[in-house]
Protein backbone atom coordinates (compact mmCIF):
# COMPACT_ATOMS: atom_id res chain seq x y z
CA MET A 1 -34.24 36.14 -4.08
CA SER A 2 -35.37 36.55 -7.66
CA THR A 3 -36.71 33.61 -9.63
CA THR A 4 -34.73 32.31 -12.56
CA THR A 5 -37.11 31.81 -15.48
CA ALA A 6 -34.91 32.27 -18.53
CA PRO A 7 -31.30 31.63 -19.60
CA PHE A 8 -30.50 35.35 -19.35
CA THR A 9 -32.92 38.16 -18.56
CA ASP A 10 -32.99 41.91 -19.09
CA THR A 11 -32.58 42.28 -15.34
CA ASP A 12 -29.37 40.25 -15.48
CA ALA A 13 -28.13 42.42 -18.35
CA LEU A 14 -28.84 45.57 -16.36
CA GLU A 15 -27.01 44.13 -13.39
CA ASP A 16 -23.95 43.37 -15.53
CA SER A 17 -24.07 46.83 -17.08
CA ALA A 18 -24.24 48.43 -13.61
CA LEU A 19 -21.24 46.41 -12.42
CA LEU A 20 -19.19 47.47 -15.44
CA ALA A 21 -20.21 51.10 -15.01
CA ALA A 22 -19.11 51.04 -11.37
CA LEU A 23 -15.81 49.38 -12.35
CA ASP A 24 -15.11 52.36 -14.64
CA THR A 25 -15.69 54.76 -11.73
CA PRO A 26 -12.70 55.28 -9.38
CA SER A 27 -14.99 55.41 -6.33
CA GLY A 28 -16.87 52.25 -7.34
CA ASN A 29 -20.14 54.15 -7.14
CA VAL A 30 -23.15 52.21 -8.49
CA HIS A 31 -25.99 53.91 -10.36
CA ALA A 32 -28.82 54.18 -7.81
CA PRO A 33 -31.62 52.28 -9.64
CA ASP A 34 -29.33 49.25 -9.90
CA GLY A 35 -27.84 49.47 -6.41
CA ALA A 36 -30.52 47.74 -4.34
CA ARG A 37 -30.35 44.46 -6.26
CA LEU A 38 -26.56 44.45 -6.03
CA VAL A 39 -26.75 45.07 -2.28
CA GLU A 40 -29.13 42.12 -1.94
CA SER A 41 -26.59 39.85 -3.61
CA GLY A 42 -23.63 41.23 -1.65
CA LEU A 43 -22.04 42.94 -4.67
CA ALA A 44 -22.58 46.46 -3.33
CA THR A 45 -23.07 48.23 -0.03
CA ALA A 46 -25.00 51.38 0.86
CA ASP A 47 -23.77 54.21 3.08
CA ASP A 48 -25.93 56.30 5.43
CA LYS A 49 -26.63 58.76 2.60
CA GLY A 50 -28.06 56.07 0.35
CA HIS A 51 -25.08 55.91 -2.02
CA TYR A 52 -24.14 52.48 -3.37
CA TYR A 53 -20.56 51.21 -3.77
CA LEU A 54 -19.07 47.97 -5.01
CA THR A 55 -17.84 45.45 -2.45
CA GLU A 56 -14.78 43.28 -3.05
CA ASP A 57 -17.11 40.57 -4.39
CA GLY A 58 -18.63 43.21 -6.66
CA TYR A 59 -15.23 44.19 -8.01
CA THR A 60 -14.40 40.52 -8.63
CA ALA A 61 -17.63 39.96 -10.57
CA ALA A 62 -17.12 43.17 -12.55
CA ARG A 63 -13.55 42.25 -13.51
CA VAL A 64 -14.72 38.87 -14.82
CA LEU A 65 -17.36 40.63 -16.93
CA ARG A 66 -14.77 43.13 -18.18
CA ALA A 67 -12.44 40.34 -19.31
CA HIS A 68 -15.33 38.74 -21.20
CA GLU A 69 -16.20 42.07 -22.80
CA ARG A 70 -12.60 42.81 -23.79
CA ALA A 71 -12.40 39.47 -25.62
CA LEU A 72 -15.42 40.53 -27.72
CA VAL A 73 -14.94 44.27 -28.18
CA PRO A 74 -11.52 45.73 -29.09
CA ASP A 75 -10.41 48.64 -26.93
CA ASP A 76 -10.59 51.18 -29.77
CA THR A 77 -14.15 50.10 -30.62
CA LEU A 78 -15.07 50.22 -26.94
CA GLU A 79 -13.72 53.75 -26.70
CA ILE A 80 -16.07 54.87 -29.48
CA ILE A 81 -19.06 53.10 -27.95
CA LEU A 82 -18.43 54.68 -24.55
CA SER A 83 -17.97 58.11 -26.09
CA ARG A 84 -21.35 57.84 -27.81
CA SER A 85 -23.24 55.92 -25.11
CA GLY A 86 -21.90 55.58 -21.59
CA ARG A 87 -22.57 52.58 -19.41
CA ALA A 88 -25.70 54.24 -18.02
CA HIS A 89 -26.34 56.78 -20.75
CA GLY A 90 -28.53 59.62 -19.54
CA LYS A 91 -29.31 57.42 -16.50
CA ARG A 92 -31.86 55.70 -18.72
CA THR A 93 -30.10 52.80 -20.39
CA GLY A 94 -27.17 50.44 -20.12
CA TRP A 95 -25.55 48.02 -22.54
CA VAL A 96 -23.77 44.68 -22.52
CA ALA A 97 -21.62 42.67 -24.94
CA GLY A 98 -22.44 39.19 -26.16
CA LEU A 99 -21.89 36.57 -28.83
CA THR A 100 -24.57 35.04 -31.08
CA MET A 101 -24.90 31.30 -31.72
CA THR A 102 -23.20 31.90 -35.07
CA HIS A 103 -20.27 33.59 -33.29
CA ARG A 104 -21.10 37.20 -34.15
CA PRO A 105 -20.05 39.61 -31.38
CA TYR A 106 -22.47 42.38 -30.52
CA VAL A 107 -23.27 45.13 -28.03
CA GLU A 108 -26.89 45.52 -26.97
CA MET A 109 -28.71 48.39 -25.29
CA VAL A 110 -30.95 47.40 -22.37
CA ARG A 111 -33.69 49.43 -20.72
CA LEU A 112 -33.47 50.53 -17.10
CA PRO A 113 -36.63 49.77 -15.09
CA HIS A 114 -37.64 53.43 -14.77
CA THR A 115 -37.24 54.15 -18.49
CA SER A 116 -40.46 53.96 -20.49
CA PRO A 117 -40.58 51.72 -23.60
CA GLU A 118 -41.29 54.81 -25.70
CA THR A 119 -38.19 56.62 -24.41
CA PHE A 120 -36.07 53.51 -24.89
CA ASP A 121 -37.35 53.04 -28.45
CA GLY A 122 -36.41 56.63 -29.22
CA ILE A 123 -32.87 56.15 -27.89
CA VAL A 124 -32.11 53.03 -29.92
CA ASN A 125 -33.90 54.03 -33.15
CA THR A 126 -33.88 57.82 -33.42
CA GLY A 127 -31.37 59.06 -30.87
CA SER A 128 -28.15 60.28 -32.44
CA THR A 129 -25.75 58.54 -30.05
CA TRP A 130 -26.62 54.82 -30.39
CA VAL A 131 -27.64 55.08 -34.05
CA ASP A 132 -24.38 56.85 -34.88
CA ILE A 133 -22.04 54.19 -33.47
CA PRO A 134 -21.73 52.00 -36.62
CA PHE A 135 -20.78 55.03 -38.73
CA GLN A 136 -18.23 56.18 -36.14
CA VAL A 137 -16.65 52.71 -36.02
CA TYR A 138 -16.54 52.50 -39.82
CA SER A 139 -15.15 55.99 -40.38
CA LYS A 140 -12.63 56.14 -37.54
CA LEU A 141 -11.32 52.57 -37.53
CA ASP A 142 -10.28 51.93 -41.11
CA HIS A 143 -13.69 50.86 -42.41
CA ARG A 144 -14.19 48.34 -39.64
CA TYR A 145 -17.53 46.53 -39.84
CA ALA A 146 -20.45 47.43 -37.55
CA ASP A 147 -24.15 47.05 -38.30
CA ARG A 148 -27.10 48.14 -36.15
CA ASP A 149 -30.35 46.20 -35.82
CA GLY A 150 -32.55 48.01 -33.32
CA ALA A 151 -31.00 47.86 -29.86
CA ARG A 152 -28.20 45.54 -31.02
CA ILE A 153 -25.03 46.52 -32.90
CA TYR A 154 -23.10 43.67 -34.53
CA LEU A 155 -19.32 43.91 -34.65
CA ALA A 156 -16.55 42.04 -36.42
CA PHE A 157 -13.80 40.07 -34.72
CA GLU A 158 -10.43 41.63 -35.30
CA PRO A 159 -7.62 39.46 -36.75
CA GLY A 160 -5.70 37.76 -33.99
CA THR A 161 -8.34 38.36 -31.31
CA TYR A 162 -10.61 35.42 -32.06
CA ASP A 163 -9.90 32.29 -30.03
CA ARG A 164 -12.17 29.65 -31.58
CA ASP A 165 -11.73 27.14 -28.75
CA HIS A 166 -12.51 29.76 -26.11
CA TRP A 167 -15.69 30.92 -27.80
CA ALA A 168 -16.76 27.38 -28.59
CA ALA A 169 -16.60 26.73 -24.84
CA VAL A 170 -18.57 29.94 -24.18
CA GLY A 171 -21.25 28.93 -26.67
CA HIS A 172 -21.38 25.45 -25.15
CA ALA A 173 -21.87 26.93 -21.68
CA ASP A 174 -24.70 29.16 -22.90
CA ALA A 175 -26.39 26.12 -24.46
CA VAL A 176 -26.00 24.12 -21.25
CA TRP A 177 -27.68 26.89 -19.25
CA ALA A 178 -30.50 27.21 -21.79
CA ASP A 179 -31.10 23.44 -21.64
CA LEU A 180 -31.10 23.54 -17.87
CA CYS A 181 -33.76 26.26 -17.83
CA THR A 182 -36.11 24.64 -20.32
CA GLU A 183 -39.11 22.69 -19.07
CA GLU A 184 -39.80 20.86 -22.33
CA PRO A 185 -39.98 17.04 -22.20
CA GLY A 186 -36.75 15.34 -23.19
CA ALA A 187 -34.50 18.25 -22.20
CA ALA A 188 -30.82 17.33 -22.18
CA LEU A 189 -30.35 18.20 -18.50
CA ARG A 190 -32.66 16.91 -15.81
CA VAL A 191 -33.43 19.16 -12.85
CA ALA A 192 -34.52 17.42 -9.65
CA GLN A 193 -34.83 18.21 -5.99
CA GLU A 194 -31.99 17.06 -3.81
CA GLU A 195 -34.16 15.67 -1.00
CA ALA A 196 -36.06 12.86 -2.70
CA GLY A 197 -37.00 10.73 0.33
CA GLY A 198 -40.24 10.69 2.28
CA ASP A 199 -43.72 11.14 0.81
CA ARG A 200 -43.06 11.89 -2.85
CA THR A 201 -46.66 12.91 -3.53
CA VAL A 202 -46.13 16.05 -1.44
CA TYR A 203 -44.27 18.89 -3.10
CA LEU A 204 -41.49 20.48 -1.07
CA PRO A 205 -39.54 23.47 -2.39
CA PRO A 206 -35.91 22.50 -2.97
CA SER A 207 -33.06 23.69 -0.81
CA ALA A 208 -30.75 22.72 -3.67
CA LEU A 209 -30.99 21.67 -7.30
CA ILE A 210 -29.26 18.71 -8.88
CA PHE A 211 -28.72 18.12 -12.57
CA HIS A 212 -26.86 15.63 -14.73
CA HIS A 213 -24.13 16.88 -17.05
CA ASN A 214 -21.60 14.92 -19.11
CA GLY A 215 -21.81 11.82 -16.91
CA ARG A 216 -21.61 13.86 -13.71
CA ASP A 217 -24.19 14.66 -11.03
CA VAL A 218 -23.97 18.34 -10.16
CA ARG A 219 -25.52 20.20 -7.21
CA LEU A 220 -26.41 23.90 -7.26
CA THR A 221 -26.92 25.57 -3.87
CA LEU A 222 -27.30 29.08 -2.51
CA THR A 223 -24.89 29.78 0.33
CA PRO A 224 -25.65 31.89 3.42
CA ALA A 225 -23.51 34.60 1.80
CA HIS A 226 -25.98 34.61 -1.13
CA ARG A 227 -23.47 33.05 -3.53
CA TYR A 228 -24.40 30.29 -5.93
CA HIS A 229 -22.25 27.24 -5.40
CA VAL A 230 -21.87 24.47 -8.01
CA GLU A 231 -20.29 21.17 -6.99
CA ILE A 232 -19.81 17.86 -8.79
CA ILE A 233 -21.14 15.24 -6.37
CA ASN A 234 -20.78 12.09 -8.48
CA GLY A 235 -18.65 11.08 -11.47
CA PRO A 236 -15.32 12.41 -12.77
CA ASP A 237 -13.97 15.44 -10.87
CA THR A 238 -16.17 14.74 -7.81
CA GLY A 239 -15.71 17.55 -5.29
CA ARG A 240 -14.75 20.19 -7.84
CA THR A 241 -16.59 23.49 -7.28
CA TRP A 242 -17.44 26.80 -8.95
CA ASN A 243 -19.10 29.94 -7.55
CA GLY A 244 -20.99 32.91 -8.94
CA HIS A 245 -23.19 35.84 -7.93
CA ARG A 246 -25.97 34.38 -10.09
CA ALA A 247 -26.89 30.80 -10.91
CA ASP A 248 -26.12 31.27 -14.60
CA VAL A 249 -22.64 32.61 -13.79
CA ALA A 250 -21.75 29.60 -11.62
CA VAL A 251 -23.21 26.97 -13.98
CA LYS A 252 -21.63 28.50 -17.08
CA ALA A 253 -18.24 28.64 -15.35
CA MET A 254 -18.51 24.90 -14.74
CA ALA A 255 -19.64 24.16 -18.30
CA ARG A 256 -16.82 26.23 -19.83
CA THR A 257 -14.25 24.46 -17.66
CA LEU A 258 -15.55 20.99 -18.52
CA TYR A 259 -15.92 21.72 -22.24
CA GLY A 260 -14.01 19.03 -24.12
CA SER A 261 -13.48 16.93 -21.00
CA PRO A 262 -14.38 13.27 -21.55
CA CYS A 263 -17.32 11.74 -19.75
CA PRO A 264 -16.81 8.49 -17.76
CA ASP A 265 -17.18 6.56 -21.03
CA GLY A 266 -14.39 8.45 -22.78
CA TYR A 267 -16.50 10.65 -25.07
CA GLY A 268 -15.96 14.39 -25.42
CA THR A 269 -18.67 16.98 -24.72
CA GLY A 270 -19.06 17.77 -28.40
CA ARG A 271 -20.73 14.38 -29.00
CA ASP A 272 -24.52 14.61 -28.87
CA THR A 273 -25.23 11.23 -27.30
CA CYS A 274 -23.43 8.54 -25.37
CA PRO A 275 -25.14 5.24 -24.38
CA GLY A 276 -23.34 5.16 -21.04
CA CYS A 277 -24.32 8.71 -20.12
CA ASP A 278 -27.89 8.11 -21.27
CA ALA A 279 -28.03 5.16 -18.88
CA SER A 280 -26.53 7.15 -16.01
CA ALA A 281 -29.03 9.95 -16.68
CA GLU A 282 -31.89 7.47 -16.33
CA THR A 283 -30.40 6.25 -13.07
CA PHE A 284 -30.15 9.88 -11.92
CA ASP A 285 -33.84 10.46 -12.69
CA ASP A 286 -34.80 7.33 -10.76
CA GLN A 287 -32.76 8.41 -7.75
CA HIS A 288 -34.06 12.00 -7.73
CA PRO A 289 -37.73 12.05 -8.73
CA VAL A 290 -39.72 15.27 -8.65
CA ARG A 291 -41.96 15.60 -5.60
CA GLY A 292 -45.69 16.08 -6.13
CA ALA A 293 -45.45 16.20 -9.92
CA MET A 294 -46.38 13.95 -12.81
CA PRO A 295 -43.56 11.93 -14.40
CA GLY A 296 -41.72 13.98 -16.98
CA SER A 297 -42.58 17.38 -15.49
CA ARG A 298 -39.83 19.67 -14.29
CA PRO A 299 -39.65 22.09 -11.34
CA ALA A 300 -38.86 25.76 -11.83
CA LEU A 301 -35.16 26.56 -11.59
CA THR A 302 -35.26 28.28 -8.21
CA ILE A 303 -33.81 27.68 -4.78
CA SER A 304 -36.18 28.73 -2.02
CA GLU A 305 -33.94 28.26 0.98
CA LYS A 306 -30.32 29.14 1.62
CA SER A 307 -28.12 26.14 2.11
CA SER A 308 -24.41 25.59 2.41
């Protein structure tokens, strides 16, 4: 299993791009360089000839990504982007859609592992296809805005397509995941090992991770089917669960769902601090100290053993 070291990595972006490319293919065939990682996570399977195909779980994950993409990129803009740069253009690159912290939608080219940095730089800065997309959008879609900055092309929301509440929840979920990954002192979310008993001076790799969010204790586990499983184990909505093929997918699904939900003290998630939740977070830290580490340090966000 790969180690999670950042809120969202290039490898994750490539995985998403591969899933979307396979969704666009009637056979569900996955581009070979991306297939092995998807097989490892149960999103693809390989036949005796070494060809990779999406599984039902793979199709489910891809459809979720497609719905997210459609909310950011209008179909007519998407048609132009695909005509100029396919999902795995020249079998060298892929691209994904996203939203900046200031709510600017964009599409971003990502480099496949076997593509050299020099080749990638040429594609995004001198190649005619990616560079030409903003002009094609502007000229063919009634002067619609698009602006390229290196590998990223910024787009404009179309009237009637922008759901402020939805994207506020998306931005909140991204921030929650970023906070969860940080190891800086005073981070909003505390990561601790689930098994806190025994000799606490001896480090043991966690079989699960627990964090505190909006007055709730939340556990993140990796199931035997290699699915990330998020469950509220204490506080409002105890027993509620979310799943994902990556940890960020599962945690963000939870954060989006809970966005705007009051904590046990009646405050909404948009409020920066709450005395009651601060107190419950301190209690959480006392109950789940980090093994074999100095006070205030934080373990890496990884799960070393599969657990149900």
